[in-house]
N, C-alpha and C. Protein backbone atom coordinates (compact mmCIF):
# COMPACT_ATOMS: atom_id res chain seq x y z
N MET A 1 -39.01 8.28 -4.55
CA MET A 1 -37.94 8.33 -3.57
C MET A 1 -37.11 7.05 -3.68
N SER A 2 -35.81 7.23 -3.65
CA SER A 2 -34.90 6.09 -3.70
C SER A 2 -34.59 5.60 -2.29
N TRP A 3 -34.47 4.29 -2.15
CA TRP A 3 -34.10 3.68 -0.88
C TRP A 3 -32.78 2.96 -1.08
N VAL A 4 -31.76 3.39 -0.33
CA VAL A 4 -30.43 2.83 -0.48
C VAL A 4 -29.86 2.52 0.90
N ARG A 5 -29.29 1.35 1.03
CA ARG A 5 -28.51 1.04 2.23
C ARG A 5 -27.32 0.21 1.78
N VAL A 6 -26.17 0.84 1.81
CA VAL A 6 -24.92 0.18 1.46
C VAL A 6 -24.00 0.32 2.67
N TRP A 7 -23.73 -0.80 3.33
CA TRP A 7 -22.86 -0.79 4.51
C TRP A 7 -21.41 -0.96 4.09
N ILE A 8 -20.54 -0.14 4.67
CA ILE A 8 -19.11 -0.18 4.39
C ILE A 8 -18.34 -0.24 5.71
N HIS A 9 -17.40 -1.18 5.77
CA HIS A 9 -16.45 -1.23 6.89
C HIS A 9 -15.19 -0.53 6.39
N LEU A 10 -14.92 0.63 6.94
CA LEU A 10 -13.80 1.48 6.53
C LEU A 10 -12.74 1.47 7.63
N VAL A 11 -11.50 1.22 7.25
CA VAL A 11 -10.38 1.22 8.20
C VAL A 11 -9.27 2.09 7.63
N PHE A 12 -8.74 2.97 8.46
CA PHE A 12 -7.60 3.77 8.03
C PHE A 12 -6.65 3.96 9.20
N SER A 13 -5.37 4.16 8.85
CA SER A 13 -4.35 4.25 9.89
C SER A 13 -3.64 5.60 9.85
N THR A 14 -2.90 5.84 10.90
CA THR A 14 -2.07 7.03 10.96
C THR A 14 -0.88 6.86 10.01
N LYS A 15 -0.29 7.96 9.63
CA LYS A 15 0.88 7.93 8.74
C LYS A 15 1.98 7.07 9.38
N ASN A 16 2.47 6.12 8.60
CA ASN A 16 3.51 5.19 9.04
C ASN A 16 3.11 4.40 10.29
N ARG A 17 1.81 4.31 10.50
CA ARG A 17 1.26 3.60 11.67
C ARG A 17 1.83 4.10 12.99
N GLU A 18 2.08 5.40 13.04
CA GLU A 18 2.57 6.03 14.27
C GLU A 18 1.45 5.98 15.32
N PRO A 19 1.77 5.64 16.56
CA PRO A 19 0.75 5.54 17.61
C PRO A 19 0.37 6.91 18.19
N TYR A 20 -0.18 7.78 17.35
CA TYR A 20 -0.58 9.12 17.78
C TYR A 20 -1.70 9.09 18.82
N LEU A 21 -2.61 8.13 18.68
CA LEU A 21 -3.80 8.08 19.53
C LEU A 21 -3.50 7.25 20.77
N ILE A 22 -2.59 7.76 21.60
CA ILE A 22 -1.98 6.94 22.64
C ILE A 22 -2.86 6.67 23.85
N THR A 23 -3.80 7.54 24.16
CA THR A 23 -4.64 7.30 25.33
C THR A 23 -6.08 7.02 24.92
N LYS A 24 -6.76 6.30 25.77
CA LYS A 24 -8.17 6.00 25.52
C LYS A 24 -8.99 7.30 25.49
N GLU A 25 -8.65 8.25 26.34
CA GLU A 25 -9.35 9.53 26.38
C GLU A 25 -9.20 10.30 25.07
N LEU A 26 -7.99 10.30 24.53
CA LEU A 26 -7.76 10.97 23.25
C LEU A 26 -8.55 10.27 22.15
N ARG A 27 -8.50 8.95 22.12
CA ARG A 27 -9.24 8.21 21.10
C ARG A 27 -10.73 8.53 21.18
N GLU A 28 -11.29 8.51 22.39
CA GLU A 28 -12.71 8.80 22.55
C GLU A 28 -13.06 10.20 22.05
N LYS A 29 -12.20 11.15 22.34
CA LYS A 29 -12.42 12.53 21.89
C LYS A 29 -12.44 12.58 20.36
N VAL A 30 -11.50 11.90 19.73
CA VAL A 30 -11.41 11.87 18.27
C VAL A 30 -12.64 11.14 17.69
N PHE A 31 -13.02 10.00 18.26
CA PHE A 31 -14.18 9.26 17.77
C PHE A 31 -15.44 10.12 17.84
N GLN A 32 -15.64 10.80 18.97
CA GLN A 32 -16.83 11.65 19.12
C GLN A 32 -16.81 12.79 18.11
N HIS A 33 -15.65 13.36 17.87
CA HIS A 33 -15.56 14.43 16.88
C HIS A 33 -15.88 13.90 15.48
N ILE A 34 -15.34 12.75 15.15
CA ILE A 34 -15.61 12.16 13.83
C ILE A 34 -17.11 11.95 13.65
N ILE A 35 -17.78 11.43 14.66
CA ILE A 35 -19.23 11.20 14.57
C ILE A 35 -19.98 12.52 14.41
N SER A 36 -19.62 13.51 15.21
CA SER A 36 -20.28 14.82 15.14
C SER A 36 -20.07 15.49 13.78
N ASN A 37 -18.84 15.49 13.30
CA ASN A 37 -18.54 16.08 12.00
C ASN A 37 -19.25 15.34 10.87
N ALA A 38 -19.30 14.02 10.97
CA ALA A 38 -19.97 13.22 9.94
C ALA A 38 -21.45 13.60 9.85
N LYS A 39 -22.10 13.77 10.99
CA LYS A 39 -23.52 14.17 10.99
C LYS A 39 -23.71 15.48 10.23
N GLU A 40 -22.81 16.44 10.47
CA GLU A 40 -22.89 17.73 9.77
C GLU A 40 -22.78 17.57 8.27
N LYS A 41 -22.04 16.57 7.83
CA LYS A 41 -21.82 16.32 6.40
C LYS A 41 -22.76 15.25 5.85
N GLN A 42 -23.76 14.88 6.63
CA GLN A 42 -24.76 13.88 6.25
C GLN A 42 -24.13 12.53 5.91
N ILE A 43 -23.12 12.17 6.70
CA ILE A 43 -22.49 10.85 6.61
C ILE A 43 -23.00 10.06 7.80
N TRP A 44 -23.58 8.90 7.55
CA TRP A 44 -24.10 8.09 8.64
C TRP A 44 -23.03 7.12 9.11
N ILE A 45 -22.44 7.42 10.26
CA ILE A 45 -21.49 6.51 10.89
C ILE A 45 -22.24 5.78 11.99
N ASP A 46 -22.40 4.51 11.82
CA ASP A 46 -23.08 3.68 12.81
C ASP A 46 -22.19 3.44 14.02
N THR A 47 -20.93 3.09 13.76
CA THR A 47 -19.99 2.74 14.82
C THR A 47 -18.59 3.21 14.43
N VAL A 48 -17.86 3.71 15.42
CA VAL A 48 -16.46 4.08 15.20
C VAL A 48 -15.66 3.70 16.45
N SER A 49 -14.51 3.12 16.23
CA SER A 49 -13.59 2.79 17.31
C SER A 49 -12.24 2.50 16.68
N GLY A 50 -11.28 2.21 17.49
CA GLY A 50 -9.95 1.93 16.96
C GLY A 50 -8.95 1.77 18.07
N TYR A 51 -7.69 1.95 17.72
CA TYR A 51 -6.63 1.80 18.68
C TYR A 51 -5.58 2.87 18.41
N LYS A 52 -4.39 2.70 18.89
CA LYS A 52 -3.37 3.75 18.89
C LYS A 52 -3.01 4.29 17.51
N GLU A 53 -3.14 3.44 16.47
CA GLU A 53 -2.68 3.87 15.15
C GLU A 53 -3.69 3.63 14.04
N HIS A 54 -4.95 3.35 14.40
CA HIS A 54 -5.94 3.15 13.34
C HIS A 54 -7.37 3.30 13.86
N ILE A 55 -8.26 3.46 12.91
CA ILE A 55 -9.69 3.62 13.23
C ILE A 55 -10.51 2.74 12.30
N HIS A 56 -11.57 2.16 12.85
CA HIS A 56 -12.57 1.41 12.09
C HIS A 56 -13.87 2.21 12.13
N CYS A 57 -14.56 2.29 11.01
CA CYS A 57 -15.87 2.93 10.94
C CYS A 57 -16.84 2.00 10.21
N LEU A 58 -18.04 1.87 10.74
CA LEU A 58 -19.12 1.19 10.02
C LEU A 58 -20.03 2.29 9.52
N ILE A 59 -20.10 2.41 8.20
CA ILE A 59 -20.78 3.53 7.55
C ILE A 59 -21.89 3.00 6.64
N SER A 60 -22.99 3.72 6.61
CA SER A 60 -24.05 3.44 5.65
C SER A 60 -24.05 4.58 4.63
N LEU A 61 -23.71 4.26 3.40
CA LEU A 61 -23.66 5.29 2.34
C LEU A 61 -25.06 5.61 1.85
N ASN A 62 -25.27 6.87 1.46
CA ASN A 62 -26.52 7.21 0.79
C ASN A 62 -26.30 7.16 -0.72
N LYS A 63 -27.33 7.43 -1.48
CA LYS A 63 -27.26 7.24 -2.93
C LYS A 63 -26.29 8.17 -3.64
N GLU A 64 -25.86 9.25 -2.99
CA GLU A 64 -24.98 10.21 -3.64
C GLU A 64 -23.55 10.15 -3.11
N GLN A 65 -23.26 9.25 -2.20
CA GLN A 65 -21.93 9.19 -1.59
C GLN A 65 -21.08 8.09 -2.20
N THR A 66 -19.79 8.34 -2.23
CA THR A 66 -18.83 7.32 -2.63
C THR A 66 -17.92 7.03 -1.44
N ILE A 67 -17.33 5.86 -1.44
CA ILE A 67 -16.39 5.50 -0.38
C ILE A 67 -15.25 6.50 -0.35
N SER A 68 -14.73 6.82 -1.51
CA SER A 68 -13.59 7.73 -1.61
C SER A 68 -13.90 9.10 -1.00
N LYS A 69 -15.04 9.67 -1.34
CA LYS A 69 -15.40 10.99 -0.84
C LYS A 69 -15.65 10.97 0.67
N VAL A 70 -16.34 9.95 1.15
CA VAL A 70 -16.61 9.83 2.59
C VAL A 70 -15.29 9.68 3.36
N ALA A 71 -14.40 8.83 2.88
CA ALA A 71 -13.10 8.64 3.55
C ALA A 71 -12.33 9.96 3.56
N GLN A 72 -12.34 10.66 2.45
CA GLN A 72 -11.63 11.94 2.35
C GLN A 72 -12.19 12.95 3.35
N LEU A 73 -13.51 13.05 3.45
CA LEU A 73 -14.13 14.00 4.36
C LEU A 73 -13.83 13.66 5.82
N ILE A 74 -13.92 12.40 6.17
CA ILE A 74 -13.68 11.98 7.55
C ILE A 74 -12.21 12.19 7.92
N LYS A 75 -11.31 11.70 7.09
CA LYS A 75 -9.89 11.77 7.40
C LYS A 75 -9.37 13.21 7.36
N GLY A 76 -9.72 13.94 6.32
CA GLY A 76 -9.21 15.30 6.15
C GLY A 76 -9.63 16.23 7.27
N GLU A 77 -10.91 16.22 7.59
CA GLU A 77 -11.40 17.13 8.62
C GLU A 77 -10.89 16.73 9.99
N SER A 78 -10.83 15.42 10.28
CA SER A 78 -10.40 15.00 11.61
C SER A 78 -8.92 15.32 11.84
N SER A 79 -8.07 15.16 10.83
CA SER A 79 -6.66 15.50 11.02
C SER A 79 -6.50 17.01 11.21
N TYR A 80 -7.28 17.79 10.47
CA TYR A 80 -7.26 19.24 10.64
C TYR A 80 -7.66 19.61 12.08
N TRP A 81 -8.73 19.00 12.57
CA TRP A 81 -9.24 19.28 13.92
C TRP A 81 -8.24 18.87 15.00
N ILE A 82 -7.63 17.69 14.84
CA ILE A 82 -6.64 17.22 15.81
C ILE A 82 -5.46 18.19 15.88
N ASN A 83 -4.98 18.64 14.72
CA ASN A 83 -3.85 19.57 14.69
C ASN A 83 -4.24 20.96 15.20
N LYS A 84 -5.42 21.44 14.83
CA LYS A 84 -5.89 22.75 15.27
C LYS A 84 -5.99 22.80 16.80
N ASN A 85 -6.41 21.70 17.39
CA ASN A 85 -6.58 21.63 18.85
C ASN A 85 -5.34 21.09 19.57
N LYS A 86 -4.26 20.87 18.81
CA LYS A 86 -2.98 20.43 19.37
C LYS A 86 -3.14 19.22 20.30
N LEU A 87 -3.84 18.20 19.80
CA LEU A 87 -4.11 17.01 20.60
C LEU A 87 -2.96 16.01 20.60
N THR A 88 -2.00 16.21 19.70
CA THR A 88 -0.82 15.35 19.66
C THR A 88 0.44 16.23 19.76
N LYS A 89 1.53 15.61 20.20
CA LYS A 89 2.76 16.37 20.40
C LYS A 89 3.39 16.83 19.09
N THR A 90 3.20 16.04 18.03
CA THR A 90 3.73 16.38 16.72
C THR A 90 2.56 16.47 15.74
N LYS A 91 2.84 16.95 14.54
CA LYS A 91 1.79 17.09 13.53
C LYS A 91 1.15 15.73 13.25
N PHE A 92 -0.18 15.72 13.32
CA PHE A 92 -0.95 14.49 13.10
C PHE A 92 -1.25 14.33 11.61
N ILE A 93 -1.06 13.12 11.10
CA ILE A 93 -1.34 12.83 9.68
C ILE A 93 -1.92 11.42 9.58
N TRP A 94 -3.00 11.28 8.79
CA TRP A 94 -3.51 9.96 8.43
C TRP A 94 -2.74 9.43 7.23
N GLN A 95 -2.61 8.14 7.12
CA GLN A 95 -2.06 7.48 5.94
C GLN A 95 -2.95 7.84 4.74
N ASP A 96 -2.38 7.97 3.56
CA ASP A 96 -3.17 8.32 2.38
C ASP A 96 -4.22 7.27 2.03
N ASP A 97 -3.87 6.02 2.21
CA ASP A 97 -4.77 4.96 1.78
C ASP A 97 -5.73 4.54 2.89
N TYR A 98 -6.61 3.62 2.56
CA TYR A 98 -7.57 3.06 3.51
C TYR A 98 -7.98 1.69 3.02
N TRP A 99 -8.71 1.00 3.84
CA TRP A 99 -9.20 -0.34 3.53
C TRP A 99 -10.72 -0.27 3.68
N ALA A 100 -11.46 -0.76 2.71
CA ALA A 100 -12.92 -0.72 2.79
C ALA A 100 -13.52 -1.94 2.12
N VAL A 101 -14.53 -2.52 2.76
CA VAL A 101 -15.28 -3.62 2.17
C VAL A 101 -16.76 -3.39 2.45
N SER A 102 -17.59 -3.93 1.57
CA SER A 102 -19.04 -3.86 1.80
C SER A 102 -19.43 -4.94 2.81
N ILE A 103 -20.46 -4.66 3.55
CA ILE A 103 -20.95 -5.57 4.58
C ILE A 103 -22.43 -5.86 4.30
N SER A 104 -22.79 -7.11 4.29
CA SER A 104 -24.20 -7.44 4.09
C SER A 104 -24.98 -7.11 5.36
N GLU A 105 -26.25 -6.83 5.19
CA GLU A 105 -27.13 -6.49 6.32
C GLU A 105 -27.06 -7.56 7.41
N SER A 106 -26.94 -8.80 7.02
CA SER A 106 -26.91 -9.90 8.00
C SER A 106 -25.63 -9.93 8.83
N HIS A 107 -24.59 -9.20 8.43
CA HIS A 107 -23.33 -9.18 9.17
C HIS A 107 -23.10 -7.87 9.92
N VAL A 108 -24.03 -6.95 9.85
CA VAL A 108 -23.84 -5.64 10.48
C VAL A 108 -23.59 -5.77 11.98
N ASP A 109 -24.39 -6.55 12.68
CA ASP A 109 -24.21 -6.68 14.13
C ASP A 109 -22.85 -7.25 14.48
N LYS A 110 -22.40 -8.24 13.74
CA LYS A 110 -21.09 -8.86 13.99
C LYS A 110 -19.96 -7.85 13.77
N VAL A 111 -20.03 -7.07 12.70
CA VAL A 111 -19.00 -6.07 12.41
C VAL A 111 -19.06 -4.95 13.45
N ARG A 112 -20.25 -4.55 13.83
CA ARG A 112 -20.42 -3.52 14.87
C ARG A 112 -19.72 -3.96 16.17
N GLN A 113 -19.95 -5.20 16.58
CA GLN A 113 -19.31 -5.73 17.79
C GLN A 113 -17.79 -5.78 17.64
N TYR A 114 -17.33 -6.22 16.48
CA TYR A 114 -15.89 -6.28 16.21
C TYR A 114 -15.27 -4.90 16.37
N ILE A 115 -15.91 -3.88 15.80
CA ILE A 115 -15.39 -2.52 15.87
C ILE A 115 -15.40 -2.01 17.31
N MET A 116 -16.48 -2.24 18.02
CA MET A 116 -16.58 -1.75 19.40
C MET A 116 -15.59 -2.44 20.34
N ASN A 117 -15.07 -3.58 19.94
CA ASN A 117 -14.18 -4.37 20.79
C ASN A 117 -12.70 -4.16 20.45
N GLN A 118 -12.35 -3.06 19.83
CA GLN A 118 -10.97 -2.85 19.38
C GLN A 118 -9.95 -2.81 20.51
N GLU A 119 -10.27 -2.19 21.62
CA GLU A 119 -9.33 -2.12 22.74
C GLU A 119 -8.92 -3.53 23.17
N GLU A 120 -9.89 -4.37 23.41
CA GLU A 120 -9.63 -5.75 23.83
C GLU A 120 -8.94 -6.54 22.72
N HIS A 121 -9.42 -6.37 21.52
CA HIS A 121 -8.88 -7.09 20.37
C HIS A 121 -7.37 -6.86 20.22
N HIS A 122 -6.94 -5.61 20.42
CA HIS A 122 -5.53 -5.29 20.18
C HIS A 122 -4.63 -5.54 21.39
N ARG A 123 -5.18 -6.10 22.41
CA ARG A 123 -4.32 -6.60 23.50
C ARG A 123 -3.67 -7.91 23.07
N ALA A 124 -4.32 -8.61 22.14
CA ALA A 124 -3.83 -9.92 21.69
C ALA A 124 -3.23 -9.90 20.29
N ARG A 125 -3.51 -8.87 19.51
CA ARG A 125 -3.09 -8.85 18.11
C ARG A 125 -2.72 -7.43 17.71
N THR A 126 -1.62 -7.29 16.98
CA THR A 126 -1.20 -5.97 16.51
C THR A 126 -2.04 -5.56 15.29
N PHE A 127 -1.97 -4.29 14.96
CA PHE A 127 -2.66 -3.81 13.77
C PHE A 127 -2.08 -4.45 12.52
N ALA A 128 -0.76 -4.64 12.47
CA ALA A 128 -0.13 -5.29 11.32
C ALA A 128 -0.68 -6.71 11.14
N GLU A 129 -0.85 -7.44 12.25
CA GLU A 129 -1.43 -8.78 12.17
C GLU A 129 -2.87 -8.73 11.70
N GLU A 130 -3.60 -7.73 12.14
CA GLU A 130 -4.99 -7.56 11.71
C GLU A 130 -5.07 -7.28 10.21
N VAL A 131 -4.19 -6.43 9.71
CA VAL A 131 -4.16 -6.13 8.27
C VAL A 131 -3.85 -7.40 7.48
N ASP A 132 -2.86 -8.17 7.93
CA ASP A 132 -2.52 -9.43 7.25
C ASP A 132 -3.72 -10.37 7.23
N GLU A 133 -4.45 -10.44 8.33
CA GLU A 133 -5.64 -11.30 8.41
C GLU A 133 -6.69 -10.86 7.40
N PHE A 134 -6.94 -9.55 7.30
CA PHE A 134 -7.91 -9.03 6.33
C PHE A 134 -7.46 -9.32 4.90
N MET A 135 -6.17 -9.14 4.64
CA MET A 135 -5.66 -9.37 3.29
C MET A 135 -5.90 -10.82 2.87
N LYS A 136 -5.64 -11.74 3.78
CA LYS A 136 -5.87 -13.16 3.49
C LYS A 136 -7.35 -13.47 3.36
N LYS A 137 -8.14 -12.94 4.28
CA LYS A 137 -9.59 -13.21 4.28
C LYS A 137 -10.24 -12.79 2.97
N TYR A 138 -9.83 -11.64 2.44
CA TYR A 138 -10.46 -11.12 1.23
C TYR A 138 -9.66 -11.42 -0.04
N GLY A 139 -8.60 -12.21 0.08
CA GLY A 139 -7.85 -12.64 -1.10
C GLY A 139 -7.07 -11.53 -1.77
N TRP A 140 -6.66 -10.53 -1.00
CA TRP A 140 -5.87 -9.44 -1.55
C TRP A 140 -4.40 -9.71 -1.27
N ASN A 141 -3.57 -9.19 -2.14
CA ASN A 141 -2.16 -9.15 -1.80
C ASN A 141 -1.69 -7.71 -1.96
N LEU A 142 -0.55 -7.38 -1.39
CA LEU A 142 -0.09 -6.01 -1.36
C LEU A 142 0.05 -5.41 -2.75
N ILE A 143 0.53 -6.16 -3.70
CA ILE A 143 0.71 -5.66 -5.06
C ILE A 143 -0.64 -5.29 -5.68
N GLN A 144 -1.66 -6.17 -5.51
CA GLN A 144 -2.99 -5.85 -6.03
C GLN A 144 -3.54 -4.61 -5.38
N SER A 145 -3.39 -4.48 -4.06
CA SER A 145 -3.93 -3.34 -3.33
C SER A 145 -3.30 -2.04 -3.79
N GLU A 146 -2.00 -2.06 -4.07
CA GLU A 146 -1.33 -0.83 -4.52
C GLU A 146 -1.79 -0.44 -5.93
N GLN A 147 -2.23 -1.39 -6.74
CA GLN A 147 -2.68 -1.10 -8.09
C GLN A 147 -4.12 -0.59 -8.10
N MET A 148 -4.86 -0.80 -7.03
CA MET A 148 -6.27 -0.40 -6.98
C MET A 148 -6.43 1.09 -6.82
């Protein structure tokens, strides 16, 4: 039997960073659906939260999963479900891209807390500022990211 634990911090935004997820109630409904759907697909989401135009997920990949496939399953099904249930006034779309980094076991609790604190976090900082902070922290620039 193989033993694998690969932690991934996955972040994705709505198309053009539109604030589709405008209420806390709507966000909670979407987060709960994402968790429920992930379980059905054997995706382990430890924590999920976000704000009006983006979502953070802390995911533990199994030996047969890739970041790309997990992101595709989460984003594709959730946008379908949001539109099917008419939860937004206009057609809901996630941005094509996403941001993902591996997390060491020793940082899981810190990342979990960061994700759970998104409401408070974004009272002081916009999502654009958060993206800029991540880009600097991990030494990425926009040109490199587009080539990846």
